PDB file of all heavy atoms in Angstrom:
ATOM      1  N   ASN A   1       8.321 -12.869   1.568  1.00  0.00           N
ATOM      2  CA  ASN A   1       8.703 -11.787   2.491  1.00  0.00           C
ATOM      3  C   ASN A   1      10.223 -11.621   2.541  1.00  0.00           C
ATOM      4  O   ASN A   1      10.740 -10.493   2.561  1.00  0.00           O
ATOM      5  CB  ASN A   1       8.164 -12.069   3.887  1.00  0.00           C
ATOM      6  CG  ASN A   1       6.651 -11.866   3.973  1.00  0.00           C
ATOM      7  OD1 ASN A   1       6.067 -11.189   3.134  1.00  0.00           O
ATOM      8  ND2 ASN A   1       6.026 -12.449   4.965  1.00  0.00           N
ATOM      9  N   LYS A   2      10.931 -12.738   2.546  1.00  0.00           N
ATOM     10  CA  LYS A   2      12.397 -12.685   2.562  1.00  0.00           C
ATOM     11  C   LYS A   2      12.922 -12.046   1.280  1.00  0.00           C
ATOM     12  O   LYS A   2      13.824 -11.191   1.309  1.00  0.00           O
ATOM     13  CB  LYS A   2      12.959 -14.100   2.720  1.00  0.00           C
ATOM     14  CG  LYS A   2      14.482 -14.157   2.812  1.00  0.00           C
ATOM     15  CD  LYS A   2      14.965 -15.588   2.987  1.00  0.00           C
ATOM     16  CE  LYS A   2      16.491 -15.657   3.031  1.00  0.00           C
ATOM     17  NZ  LYS A   2      16.977 -17.050   3.173  1.00  0.00           N
ATOM     18  N   ASN A   3      12.354 -12.445   0.149  1.00  0.00           N
ATOM     19  CA  ASN A   3      12.765 -11.872  -1.138  1.00  0.00           C
ATOM     20  C   ASN A   3      12.451 -10.380  -1.219  1.00  0.00           C
ATOM     21  O   ASN A   3      13.215  -9.600  -1.810  1.00  0.00           O
ATOM     22  CB  ASN A   3      12.080 -12.604  -2.289  1.00  0.00           C
ATOM     23  CG  ASN A   3      12.620 -14.016  -2.485  1.00  0.00           C
ATOM     24  OD1 ASN A   3      13.661 -14.378  -1.931  1.00  0.00           O
ATOM     25  ND2 ASN A   3      11.911 -14.821  -3.260  1.00  0.00           N
ATOM     26  N   MET A   4      11.307  -9.976  -0.633  1.00  0.00           N
ATOM     27  CA  MET A   4      10.944  -8.554  -0.671  1.00  0.00           C
ATOM     28  C   MET A   4      11.945  -7.719   0.126  1.00  0.00           C
ATOM     29  O   MET A   4      12.317  -6.624  -0.301  1.00  0.00           O
ATOM     30  CB  MET A   4       9.519  -8.355  -0.139  1.00  0.00           C
ATOM     31  CG  MET A   4       8.443  -8.790  -1.123  1.00  0.00           C
ATOM     32  SD  MET A   4       6.802  -8.075  -0.812  1.00  0.00           S
ATOM     33  CE  MET A   4       6.403  -8.812   0.751  1.00  0.00           C
ATOM     34  N   GLU A   5      12.376  -8.226   1.272  1.00  0.00           N
ATOM     35  CA  GLU A   5      13.365  -7.488   2.058  1.00  0.00           C
ATOM     36  C   GLU A   5      14.675  -7.353   1.282  1.00  0.00           C
ATOM     37  O   GLU A   5      15.323  -6.300   1.310  1.00  0.00           O
ATOM     38  CB  GLU A   5      13.597  -8.186   3.399  1.00  0.00           C
ATOM     39  CG  GLU A   5      12.419  -8.100   4.351  1.00  0.00           C
ATOM     40  CD  GLU A   5      11.959  -6.681   4.589  1.00  0.00           C
ATOM     41  OE1 GLU A   5      12.819  -5.812   4.887  1.00  0.00           O
ATOM     42  OE2 GLU A   5      10.747  -6.412   4.466  1.00  0.00           O
ATOM     43  N   ALA A   6      15.054  -8.423   0.588  1.00  0.00           N
ATOM     44  CA  ALA A   6      16.278  -8.372  -0.230  1.00  0.00           C
ATOM     45  C   ALA A   6      16.109  -7.383  -1.380  1.00  0.00           C
ATOM     46  O   ALA A   6      17.036  -6.639  -1.723  1.00  0.00           O
ATOM     47  CB  ALA A   6      16.606  -9.762  -0.763  1.00  0.00           C
ATOM     48  N   ALA A   7      14.912  -7.365  -1.981  1.00  0.00           N
ATOM     49  CA  ALA A   7      14.648  -6.435  -3.093  1.00  0.00           C
ATOM     50  C   ALA A   7      14.704  -4.991  -2.615  1.00  0.00           C
ATOM     51  O   ALA A   7      15.236  -4.110  -3.305  1.00  0.00           O
ATOM     52  CB  ALA A   7      13.284  -6.743  -3.707  1.00  0.00           C
ATOM     53  N   LYS A   8      14.165  -4.720  -1.425  1.00  0.00           N
ATOM     54  CA  LYS A   8      14.201  -3.361  -0.874  1.00  0.00           C
ATOM     55  C   LYS A   8      15.643  -2.872  -0.726  1.00  0.00           C
ATOM     56  O   LYS A   8      15.939  -1.705  -0.952  1.00  0.00           O
ATOM     57  CB  LYS A   8      13.505  -3.324   0.486  1.00  0.00           C
ATOM     58  CG  LYS A   8      11.993  -3.437   0.440  1.00  0.00           C
ATOM     59  CD  LYS A   8      11.431  -3.400   1.849  1.00  0.00           C
ATOM     60  CE  LYS A   8       9.932  -3.625   1.871  1.00  0.00           C
ATOM     61  NZ  LYS A   8       9.391  -3.623   3.254  1.00  0.00           N
ATOM     62  N   ALA A   9      16.507  -3.803  -0.322  1.00  0.00           N
ATOM     63  CA  ALA A   9      17.908  -3.429  -0.085  1.00  0.00           C
ATOM     64  C   ALA A   9      18.625  -3.009  -1.359  1.00  0.00           C
ATOM     65  O   ALA A   9      19.676  -2.354  -1.298  1.00  0.00           O
ATOM     66  CB  ALA A   9      18.642  -4.602   0.570  1.00  0.00           C
ATOM     67  N   THR A  10      18.088  -3.349  -2.519  1.00  0.00           N
ATOM     68  CA  THR A  10      18.729  -2.989  -3.785  1.00  0.00           C
ATOM     69  C   THR A  10      18.366  -1.576  -4.234  1.00  0.00           C
ATOM     70  O   THR A  10      18.941  -1.071  -5.200  1.00  0.00           O
ATOM     71  CB  THR A  10      18.324  -3.966  -4.908  1.00  0.00           C
ATOM     72  OG1 THR A  10      16.920  -3.797  -5.203  1.00  0.00           O
ATOM     73  CG2 THR A  10      18.593  -5.405  -4.504  1.00  0.00           C
ATOM     74  N   ILE A  11      17.396  -0.945  -3.550  1.00  0.00           N
ATOM     75  CA  ILE A  11      16.896   0.358  -3.988  1.00  0.00           C
ATOM     76  C   ILE A  11      17.525   1.466  -3.152  1.00  0.00           C
ATOM     77  O   ILE A  11      17.424   1.477  -1.926  1.00  0.00           O
ATOM     78  CB  ILE A  11      15.363   0.414  -3.879  1.00  0.00           C
ATOM     79  CG1 ILE A  11      14.752  -0.646  -4.809  1.00  0.00           C
ATOM     80  CG2 ILE A  11      14.838   1.799  -4.224  1.00  0.00           C
ATOM     81  CD1 ILE A  11      13.261  -0.810  -4.656  1.00  0.00           C
ATOM     82  N   LYS A  12      18.186   2.390  -3.824  1.00  0.00           N
ATOM     83  CA  LYS A  12      18.847   3.496  -3.140  1.00  0.00           C
ATOM     84  C   LYS A  12      17.816   4.549  -2.744  1.00  0.00           C
ATOM     85  O   LYS A  12      16.997   4.983  -3.563  1.00  0.00           O
ATOM     86  CB  LYS A  12      19.910   4.115  -4.053  1.00  0.00           C
ATOM     87  CG  LYS A  12      20.735   5.187  -3.378  1.00  0.00           C
ATOM     88  CD  LYS A  12      21.797   5.747  -4.329  1.00  0.00           C
ATOM     89  CE  LYS A  12      22.601   6.844  -3.648  1.00  0.00           C
ATOM     90  NZ  LYS A  12      23.625   7.426  -4.554  1.00  0.00           N
ATOM     91  N   LEU A  13      17.861   4.957  -1.480  1.00  0.00           N
ATOM     92  CA  LEU A  13      16.886   5.908  -0.961  1.00  0.00           C
ATOM     93  C   LEU A  13      17.566   7.108  -0.324  1.00  0.00           C
ATOM     94  O   LEU A  13      18.678   7.000   0.202  1.00  0.00           O
ATOM     95  CB  LEU A  13      15.994   5.228   0.092  1.00  0.00           C
ATOM     96  CG  LEU A  13      15.157   4.034  -0.343  1.00  0.00           C
ATOM     97  CD1 LEU A  13      14.515   3.386   0.870  1.00  0.00           C
ATOM     98  CD2 LEU A  13      14.090   4.457  -1.346  1.00  0.00           C
ATOM     99  N   GLU A  14      16.860   8.238  -0.362  1.00  0.00           N
ATOM    100  CA  GLU A  14      17.281   9.392   0.421  1.00  0.00           C
ATOM    101  C   GLU A  14      16.845   9.171   1.878  1.00  0.00           C
ATOM    102  O   GLU A  14      15.959   8.348   2.143  1.00  0.00           O
ATOM    103  CB  GLU A  14      16.630  10.669  -0.131  1.00  0.00           C
ATOM    104  CG  GLU A  14      17.001  10.992  -1.566  1.00  0.00           C
ATOM    105  CD  GLU A  14      18.468  11.356  -1.729  1.00  0.00           C
ATOM    106  OE1 GLU A  14      19.102  11.715  -0.710  1.00  0.00           O
ATOM    107  OE2 GLU A  14      18.974  11.273  -2.864  1.00  0.00           O
ATOM    108  N   PRO A  15      17.449   9.887   2.835  1.00  0.00           N
ATOM    109  CA  PRO A  15      17.100   9.688   4.249  1.00  0.00           C
ATOM    110  C   PRO A  15      15.612   9.880   4.553  1.00  0.00           C
ATOM    111  O   PRO A  15      15.088   9.291   5.497  1.00  0.00           O
ATOM    112  CB  PRO A  15      17.952  10.744   4.971  1.00  0.00           C
ATOM    113  CG  PRO A  15      19.080  11.022   4.044  1.00  0.00           C
ATOM    114  CD  PRO A  15      18.531  10.865   2.670  1.00  0.00           C
ATOM    115  N   TYR A  16      14.933  10.716   3.765  1.00  0.00           N
ATOM    116  CA  TYR A  16      13.530  11.022   4.011  1.00  0.00           C
ATOM    117  C   TYR A  16      12.583  10.153   3.162  1.00  0.00           C
ATOM    118  O   TYR A  16      11.387  10.424   3.083  1.00  0.00           O
ATOM    119  CB  TYR A  16      13.250  12.511   3.734  1.00  0.00           C
ATOM    120  CG  TYR A  16      13.817  12.993   2.417  1.00  0.00           C
ATOM    121  CD1 TYR A  16      13.107  12.822   1.240  1.00  0.00           C
ATOM    122  CD2 TYR A  16      15.065  13.600   2.353  1.00  0.00           C
ATOM    123  CE1 TYR A  16      13.626  13.244   0.023  1.00  0.00           C
ATOM    124  CE2 TYR A  16      15.593  14.023   1.149  1.00  0.00           C
ATOM    125  CZ  TYR A  16      14.866  13.841  -0.005  1.00  0.00           C
ATOM    126  OH  TYR A  16      15.384  14.254  -1.212  1.00  0.00           O
ATOM    127  N   GLN A  17      13.112   9.114   2.532  1.00  0.00           N
ATOM    128  CA  GLN A  17      12.299   8.232   1.694  1.00  0.00           C
ATOM    129  C   GLN A  17      12.182   6.839   2.302  1.00  0.00           C
ATOM    130  O   GLN A  17      12.984   6.444   3.149  1.00  0.00           O
ATOM    131  CB  GLN A  17      12.905   8.120   0.287  1.00  0.00           C
ATOM    132  CG  GLN A  17      12.866   9.386  -0.525  1.00  0.00           C
ATOM    133  CD  GLN A  17      13.493   9.209  -1.895  1.00  0.00           C
ATOM    134  OE1 GLN A  17      14.475   8.482  -2.050  1.00  0.00           O
ATOM    135  NE2 GLN A  17      12.943   9.900  -2.885  1.00  0.00           N
ATOM    136  N   LYS A  18      11.179   6.111   1.840  1.00  0.00           N
ATOM    137  CA  LYS A  18      11.033   4.705   2.204  1.00  0.00           C
ATOM    138  C   LYS A  18      10.538   3.950   0.975  1.00  0.00           C
ATOM    139  O   LYS A  18      10.067   4.549   0.000  1.00  0.00           O
ATOM    140  CB  LYS A  18      10.051   4.530   3.361  1.00  0.00           C
ATOM    141  CG  LYS A  18       8.612   4.915   3.037  1.00  0.00           C
ATOM    142  CD  LYS A  18       7.699   4.737   4.242  1.00  0.00           C
ATOM    143  CE  LYS A  18       6.266   5.177   3.919  1.00  0.00           C
ATOM    144  NZ  LYS A  18       5.362   5.060   5.076  1.00  0.00           N
ATOM    145  N   VAL A  19      10.640   2.622   1.017  1.00  0.00           N
ATOM    146  CA  VAL A  19      10.141   1.806  -0.089  1.00  0.00           C
ATOM    147  C   VAL A  19       9.162   0.785   0.462  1.00  0.00           C
ATOM    148  O   VAL A  19       9.389   0.165   1.509  1.00  0.00           O
ATOM    149  CB  VAL A  19      11.302   1.110  -0.849  1.00  0.00           C
ATOM    150  CG1 VAL A  19      12.125   0.228   0.088  1.00  0.00           C
ATOM    151  CG2 VAL A  19      10.763   0.283  -2.014  1.00  0.00           C
ATOM    152  N   VAL A  20       8.051   0.636  -0.233  1.00  0.00           N
ATOM    153  CA  VAL A  20       7.025  -0.353   0.116  1.00  0.00           C
ATOM    154  C   VAL A  20       6.795  -1.231  -1.107  1.00  0.00           C
ATOM    155  O   VAL A  20       6.620  -0.710  -2.220  1.00  0.00           O
ATOM    156  CB  VAL A  20       5.706   0.338   0.531  1.00  0.00           C
ATOM    157  CG1 VAL A  20       4.611  -0.695   0.752  1.00  0.00           C
ATOM    158  CG2 VAL A  20       5.904   1.165   1.787  1.00  0.00           C
ATOM    159  N   ILE A  21       6.808  -2.546  -0.919  1.00  0.00           N
ATOM    160  CA  ILE A  21       6.549  -3.467  -2.027  1.00  0.00           C
ATOM    161  C   ILE A  21       5.171  -4.072  -1.842  1.00  0.00           C
ATOM    162  O   ILE A  21       4.840  -4.587  -0.765  1.00  0.00           O
ATOM    163  CB  ILE A  21       7.621  -4.571  -2.100  1.00  0.00           C
ATOM    164  CG1 ILE A  21       8.982  -3.953  -2.423  1.00  0.00           C
ATOM    165  CG2 ILE A  21       7.253  -5.614  -3.166  1.00  0.00           C
ATOM    166  CD1 ILE A  21      10.125  -4.945  -2.480  1.00  0.00           C
ATOM    167  N   LYS A  22       4.360  -4.015  -2.898  1.00  0.00           N
ATOM    168  CA  LYS A  22       3.001  -4.543  -2.859  1.00  0.00           C
ATOM    169  C   LYS A  22       2.756  -5.478  -4.043  1.00  0.00           C
ATOM    170  O   LYS A  22       3.324  -5.293  -5.121  1.00  0.00           O
ATOM    171  CB  LYS A  22       1.978  -3.401  -2.905  1.00  0.00           C
ATOM    172  CG  LYS A  22       1.937  -2.564  -1.634  1.00  0.00           C
ATOM    173  CD  LYS A  22       1.353  -3.353  -0.474  1.00  0.00           C
ATOM    174  CE  LYS A  22       1.228  -2.496   0.768  1.00  0.00           C
ATOM    175  NZ  LYS A  22       0.690  -3.266   1.897  1.00  0.00           N
ATOM    176  N   SER A  23       1.886  -6.449  -3.818  1.00  0.00           N
ATOM    177  CA  SER A  23       1.523  -7.361  -4.906  1.00  0.00           C
ATOM    178  C   SER A  23       0.359  -6.780  -5.698  1.00  0.00           C
ATOM    179  O   SER A  23      -0.494  -6.081  -5.162  1.00  0.00           O
ATOM    180  CB  SER A  23       1.127  -8.733  -4.353  1.00  0.00           C
ATOM    181  OG  SER A  23      -0.077  -8.644  -3.614  1.00  0.00           O
ATOM    182  N   MET A  24       0.342  -7.082  -6.992  1.00  0.00           N
ATOM    183  CA  MET A  24      -0.757  -6.700  -7.879  1.00  0.00           C
ATOM    184  C   MET A  24      -1.206  -7.950  -8.637  1.00  0.00           C
ATOM    185  O   MET A  24      -0.491  -8.956  -8.669  1.00  0.00           O
ATOM    186  CB  MET A  24      -0.304  -5.633  -8.881  1.00  0.00           C
ATOM    187  CG  MET A  24       0.206  -4.364  -8.237  1.00  0.00           C
ATOM    188  SD  MET A  24      -1.127  -3.404  -7.495  1.00  0.00           S
ATOM    189  CE  MET A  24      -0.178  -2.333  -6.420  1.00  0.00           C
TER     190      MET A  24
END
């Protein structure tokens, strides 16, 4: 969970976007 939050922070987003990380 900690790594996923750090990974999210590396992705540039527009104000109307979000990022979700899921396992496969």
